[in-house]
Protein backbone atom coordinates (compact mmCIF):
# COMPACT_ATOMS: atom_id res chain seq x y z
CA MET A 1 -192.20 6.64 -161.88
CA ASN A 2 -193.33 8.85 -159.03
CA VAL A 3 -193.05 12.61 -158.69
CA ASN A 4 -189.87 12.49 -156.61
CA GLN A 5 -188.13 10.30 -159.17
CA ILE A 6 -189.12 12.60 -162.00
CA ILE A 7 -187.87 15.68 -160.16
CA ALA A 8 -184.58 13.97 -159.37
CA SER A 9 -184.04 12.69 -162.90
CA LYS A 10 -181.27 13.73 -165.21
CA ILE A 11 -183.81 15.36 -167.49
CA GLY A 12 -184.74 17.57 -164.58
CA ARG A 13 -181.08 18.46 -164.36
CA LEU A 14 -180.96 19.47 -168.00
CA ALA A 15 -184.00 21.60 -167.59
CA SER A 16 -182.93 23.16 -164.39
CA MET A 17 -179.58 24.25 -165.76
CA LEU A 18 -180.88 25.90 -168.87
CA LEU A 19 -182.70 28.84 -167.54
CA CYS A 20 -179.71 30.08 -165.71
CA ILE A 21 -178.34 31.26 -169.02
CA PHE A 22 -178.00 34.98 -168.50
CA LEU A 23 -175.75 36.05 -171.32
CA HIS A 24 -177.16 39.55 -171.65
CA THR A 25 -177.52 42.51 -169.36
CA ALA A 26 -180.92 43.11 -167.83
CA GLN A 27 -183.47 44.29 -170.36
CA ALA A 28 -187.15 45.11 -170.59
CA ASP A 29 -188.21 41.67 -171.83
CA PRO A 30 -186.71 38.44 -170.47
CA ILE A 31 -184.44 36.70 -172.94
CA ALA A 32 -185.52 33.30 -174.27
CA VAL A 33 -183.19 30.33 -173.84
CA MET A 34 -183.36 27.04 -175.69
CA LEU A 35 -182.17 23.53 -174.89
CA HIS A 36 -181.07 21.37 -177.80
CA PRO A 37 -181.94 17.68 -177.59
CA SER A 38 -178.90 15.70 -176.47
CA ASP A 39 -178.80 13.73 -179.73
CA ARG A 40 -179.27 16.49 -182.33
CA ILE A 41 -179.36 20.24 -182.96
CA ALA A 42 -182.70 22.03 -183.14
CA ASN A 43 -183.35 25.36 -184.85
CA PRO A 44 -182.18 27.99 -182.31
CA SER A 45 -184.29 30.82 -183.78
CA PRO A 46 -185.71 32.95 -182.13
CA TYR A 47 -183.84 32.15 -178.91
CA SER A 48 -181.16 34.49 -177.57
CA SER A 49 -178.90 31.79 -176.12
CA GLN A 50 -178.59 28.04 -176.20
CA ILE A 51 -177.09 24.93 -174.69
CA HIS A 52 -176.36 21.48 -176.00
CA PRO A 53 -176.19 18.84 -173.23
CA ILE A 54 -174.01 16.47 -175.22
CA VAL A 55 -172.63 13.21 -173.90
CA GLU A 56 -168.87 13.58 -174.33
CA ALA A 57 -166.26 11.94 -172.11
CA ASP A 58 -163.38 14.14 -173.27
CA PRO A 59 -163.71 17.50 -171.44
CA VAL A 60 -161.81 19.52 -174.03
CA ARG A 61 -163.72 18.03 -176.94
CA SER A 62 -166.98 18.68 -175.08
CA VAL A 63 -166.22 22.39 -174.80
CA GLN A 64 -165.17 22.60 -178.44
CA ARG A 65 -168.36 20.95 -179.67
CA GLN A 66 -170.54 23.23 -177.58
CA ALA A 67 -168.72 26.40 -178.62
CA ALA A 68 -169.14 25.38 -182.26
CA LEU A 69 -172.87 26.00 -181.98
CA GLY A 70 -172.10 29.69 -182.46
CA GLY A 71 -173.88 32.58 -180.79
CA ASN A 72 -174.24 32.74 -177.05
CA VAL A 73 -173.59 29.37 -175.41
CA ILE A 74 -173.67 28.34 -171.79
CA LEU A 75 -171.18 25.66 -170.87
CA TRP A 76 -172.72 22.32 -169.94
CA ILE A 77 -170.11 20.56 -167.79
CA GLY A 78 -171.91 17.21 -167.69
CA SER A 79 -174.13 15.33 -165.30
CA LYS A 80 -173.50 15.30 -161.57
CA ASP A 81 -171.88 11.88 -161.70
CA GLN A 82 -169.33 13.19 -164.24
CA TYR A 83 -168.15 16.05 -162.02
CA SER A 84 -164.59 16.17 -160.79
CA VAL A 85 -162.18 19.02 -160.06
CA ASP A 86 -159.83 17.84 -162.81
CA ARG A 87 -162.62 17.68 -165.40
CA LEU A 88 -163.87 21.15 -164.51
CA GLN A 89 -160.35 22.60 -164.65
CA SER A 90 -159.82 21.14 -168.11
CA MET A 91 -163.13 22.50 -169.36
CA LEU A 92 -162.51 25.97 -167.97
CA ALA A 93 -159.05 26.11 -169.53
CA GLU A 94 -160.48 25.24 -172.94
CA ALA A 95 -163.47 27.57 -172.52
CA ARG A 96 -161.10 30.53 -172.29
CA ASN A 97 -160.39 29.96 -175.98
CA HIS A 98 -164.02 30.56 -176.95
CA THR A 99 -165.41 34.07 -176.53
CA ASN A 100 -169.02 32.95 -177.00
CA ILE A 101 -168.91 31.10 -173.65
CA THR A 102 -169.26 33.42 -170.66
CA HIS A 103 -171.34 31.37 -168.20
CA VAL A 104 -170.92 27.94 -166.65
CA TYR A 105 -173.71 25.86 -165.22
CA VAL A 106 -172.45 24.45 -161.93
CA TYR A 107 -175.31 22.55 -160.29
CA ASP A 108 -179.04 21.94 -160.61
CA GLU A 109 -181.78 21.71 -158.01
CA ILE A 110 -179.57 22.46 -155.02
CA GLY A 111 -181.01 21.12 -151.78
CA TRP A 112 -182.99 18.33 -153.44
CA SER A 113 -182.18 14.66 -153.88
CA PRO A 114 -184.17 11.56 -154.83
CA SER A 115 -184.72 10.90 -151.15
CA GLY A 116 -186.11 14.38 -150.49
CA PHE A 117 -184.84 17.72 -149.20
CA ASN A 118 -181.24 17.98 -148.02
CA MET A 119 -179.97 21.51 -147.52
CA SER A 120 -176.33 20.50 -147.01
CA LEU A 121 -176.01 18.04 -149.92
CA HIS A 122 -172.78 18.69 -151.88
CA ARG A 123 -172.46 22.15 -150.33
CA ALA A 124 -168.65 22.12 -150.17
CA GLU A 125 -168.32 20.87 -153.76
CA ILE A 126 -170.75 23.48 -155.10
CA TYR A 127 -168.98 26.36 -153.38
CA GLN A 128 -165.62 25.02 -154.58
CA ALA A 129 -166.82 24.77 -158.18
CA SER A 130 -168.26 28.28 -157.98
CA ARG A 131 -164.92 29.68 -156.85
CA MET A 132 -163.13 27.86 -159.67
CA VAL A 133 -165.53 29.20 -162.29
CA ARG A 134 -165.22 32.78 -161.07
CA ALA A 135 -161.44 32.52 -160.80
CA ALA A 136 -161.36 31.46 -164.46
CA GLY A 137 -163.31 34.58 -165.43
CA PHE A 138 -166.76 33.07 -165.98
CA LYS A 139 -170.12 33.55 -164.29
CA VAL A 140 -171.67 30.90 -162.05
CA LEU A 141 -175.16 29.53 -162.74
CA VAL A 142 -177.21 27.22 -160.48
CA THR A 143 -180.84 26.27 -160.01
CA PHE A 144 -183.24 25.73 -157.13
CA LEU A 145 -186.76 24.43 -156.79
CA PRO A 146 -189.19 26.90 -155.20
CA ASP A 147 -189.88 24.14 -152.68
CA VAL A 148 -186.26 24.51 -151.50
CA ILE A 149 -186.02 28.31 -151.56
CA LEU A 150 -189.26 28.75 -149.62
CA ARG A 151 -188.28 26.37 -146.82
CA GLU A 152 -187.62 27.96 -143.44
CA ASP A 153 -184.21 26.28 -143.25
CA PHE A 154 -182.99 27.66 -146.59
CA ASP A 155 -179.47 28.82 -145.70
CA TRP A 156 -177.43 28.87 -148.90
CA ASP A 157 -175.02 31.75 -149.48
CA VAL A 158 -176.58 33.13 -152.64
CA SER A 159 -173.72 35.60 -153.08
CA GLN A 160 -171.70 32.64 -154.39
CA PHE A 161 -173.77 32.65 -157.59
CA ASP A 162 -174.19 35.06 -160.50
CA GLY A 163 -177.39 33.57 -161.89
CA ILE A 164 -180.13 31.49 -160.28
CA SER A 165 -183.00 29.84 -162.09
CA ILE A 166 -186.21 28.60 -160.53
CA ASP A 167 -188.00 25.71 -162.21
CA VAL A 168 -191.76 25.49 -161.71
CA TYR A 169 -193.77 22.78 -163.48
CA PRO A 170 -197.54 22.39 -163.07
CA SER A 171 -197.37 18.63 -163.70
CA ILE A 172 -194.64 18.07 -161.10
CA ARG A 173 -195.05 19.49 -157.63
CA PRO A 174 -192.94 17.80 -154.92
CA SER A 175 -194.47 19.72 -152.01
CA GLN A 176 -196.78 22.55 -150.99
CA PRO A 177 -194.46 25.28 -149.68
CA ASP A 178 -195.55 27.55 -146.87
CA MET A 179 -195.87 30.91 -148.63
CA ARG A 180 -195.96 32.80 -145.32
CA GLY A 181 -198.43 35.30 -146.68
CA CYS A 182 -196.53 36.01 -149.89
CA HIS A 183 -198.37 36.11 -153.19
CA TYR A 184 -198.14 37.78 -156.58
CA SER A 185 -200.92 40.33 -156.47
CA ALA A 186 -201.39 40.98 -160.21
CA ILE A 187 -203.08 37.62 -160.89
CA ASN A 188 -204.59 34.80 -158.88
CA ASN A 189 -202.21 32.03 -159.93
CA TYR A 190 -200.36 29.61 -157.66
CA LEU A 191 -197.57 29.01 -160.20
CA ALA A 192 -196.90 32.76 -160.34
CA ASN A 193 -196.90 32.81 -156.53
CA LEU A 194 -194.23 30.10 -156.40
CA ALA A 195 -192.01 31.87 -158.92
CA TYR A 196 -192.50 35.38 -157.57
CA CYS A 197 -192.15 34.54 -153.88
CA SER A 198 -189.01 32.49 -154.55
CA ALA A 199 -187.49 35.39 -156.47
CA ARG A 200 -188.45 37.86 -153.75
CA LYS A 201 -186.89 35.71 -151.04
CA LEU A 202 -183.64 35.48 -152.98
CA ARG A 203 -183.57 39.26 -153.33
CA ASP A 204 -184.35 39.67 -149.64
CA ARG A 205 -181.37 37.41 -148.92
CA GLY A 206 -179.14 39.79 -150.85
CA PHE A 207 -178.94 38.06 -154.21
CA ALA A 208 -177.95 40.71 -156.75
CA GLY A 209 -177.51 38.53 -159.82
CA GLN A 210 -179.92 37.58 -162.56
CA LEU A 211 -182.99 35.39 -162.23
CA GLY A 212 -184.46 32.84 -164.62
CA TYR A 213 -187.81 31.10 -164.81
CA ILE A 214 -187.89 27.56 -166.24
CA TYR A 215 -191.32 26.34 -167.22
CA GLN A 216 -192.86 23.14 -168.53
CA ALA A 217 -192.90 22.34 -172.26
CA PHE A 218 -193.26 18.58 -171.90
CA GLY A 219 -195.97 16.11 -171.10
CA ILE A 220 -195.75 13.19 -168.68
CA THR A 221 -196.74 9.74 -169.84
CA GLY A 222 -199.96 8.80 -168.11
CA GLU A 223 -201.21 12.34 -167.42
CA SER A 224 -204.56 13.08 -169.04
CA GLU A 225 -204.75 15.63 -171.83
CA ALA A 226 -207.30 17.64 -169.87
CA SER A 227 -205.00 17.84 -166.84
CA LEU A 228 -202.01 18.79 -168.96
CA LYS A 229 -203.93 21.50 -170.83
CA ALA A 230 -205.32 23.03 -167.63
CA GLY A 231 -201.84 23.24 -166.15
CA LEU A 232 -200.35 24.73 -169.31
CA ILE A 233 -203.03 27.41 -169.53
CA LEU A 234 -202.35 28.45 -165.95
CA GLN A 235 -198.63 28.36 -166.61
CA ARG A 236 -198.95 30.54 -169.74
CA GLU A 237 -200.55 33.23 -167.63
CA ALA A 238 -197.69 33.06 -165.11
CA VAL A 239 -194.96 33.09 -167.77
CA ASP A 240 -196.50 36.15 -169.42
CA HIS A 241 -195.88 37.96 -166.12
CA ALA A 242 -192.22 36.90 -165.86
CA ASP A 243 -190.92 40.40 -166.58
CA ALA A 244 -193.23 42.00 -164.01
CA MET A 245 -192.17 39.38 -161.46
CA GLY A 246 -188.52 40.37 -161.92
CA PHE A 247 -187.12 37.61 -164.13
CA ASP A 248 -184.35 38.24 -166.64
CA ALA A 249 -184.78 35.03 -168.65
CA ILE A 250 -187.38 32.41 -169.45
CA MET A 251 -186.95 28.91 -170.82
CA PRO A 252 -189.46 26.29 -171.90
CA PHE A 253 -188.01 22.95 -170.87
CA GLY A 254 -188.96 19.94 -172.97
CA MET A 255 -189.89 21.69 -176.21
CA TRP A 256 -187.57 19.19 -177.89
CA LEU A 257 -186.10 16.04 -176.35
CA GLY A 258 -183.83 13.24 -177.47
CA ALA A 259 -185.19 9.73 -177.98
CA GLY A 260 -183.17 8.35 -175.10
CA GLU A 261 -184.36 11.07 -172.75
CA MET A 262 -187.99 10.43 -173.57
CA ALA A 263 -187.68 6.68 -173.06
CA ARG A 264 -185.75 7.01 -169.82
CA GLU A 265 -187.80 9.73 -168.18
CA GLN A 266 -191.30 8.90 -169.44
CA ILE A 267 -191.88 12.39 -170.77
CA TYR A 268 -192.50 13.68 -174.29
CA PRO A 269 -191.87 17.05 -176.01
CA LEU A 270 -194.63 19.51 -176.83
CA GLY A 271 -192.77 21.50 -179.50
CA ASP A 272 -194.52 19.80 -182.38
CA THR A 273 -197.93 19.31 -180.79
CA LYS A 274 -201.12 21.36 -180.59
CA PHE A 275 -199.87 22.68 -177.24
CA ARG A 276 -196.94 24.50 -178.80
CA ARG A 277 -198.64 27.88 -178.65
CA LEU A 278 -199.00 27.47 -174.88
CA VAL A 279 -195.33 26.68 -174.28
CA GLN A 280 -193.35 28.72 -176.80
CA PRO A 281 -191.57 31.83 -175.42
């Protein structure tokens, strides 16, 4: 599996959606968000909000099962191939019955596809879904790669969204964006540069919502331990500056994963390994 395939995978989708969970007002420290494995429930402590990317064909039952987690929950509407206007309408109607759901994840990694960058991919559908979510009284969450945001042709109307997350993984880098002189001055760290400069560009484009930083808490089959550790150490430094860089939420993606996800995506969780201290919030 090459880098592009990994980025485009469904696991990437799960990760990307999570850190758009902004269920609190802005605060001094970014909130921590957790992703349950698709096939079980993990201990949500000490996370402030959570999501369970269950596989459930019935849209109403899906909402009910997610709301039953208790606490703050972001609504997972399913994978991209499950999306339809009718399904979303049914889920939004049911979500109104559950006060612990206030946000809806609409789309992950906008502007990216398995074949590469595509700024117009699904644009009409994404804007339509965003309007539906807002009309139902919920907030709209999406995600972007820094490689998309930092492109010169980035032209998405960010006012359509209430929360945007940026996922930056040291083990998966699809391109080397042109930073155009931007860098995070507090530390010499290219991962911090990617996160900070993406956030700054969104603000410069008029985005007034909340920002999330998704970071790597998984290993990739075939990557050496030395390479993984070096990337995680650099990442830890960047994540510790999330507040100073202007992020409202952080989420370690891959702390826990389902068996099917690990087999399909050739990744493994770090939550119960010696690297846990480097990837926990």
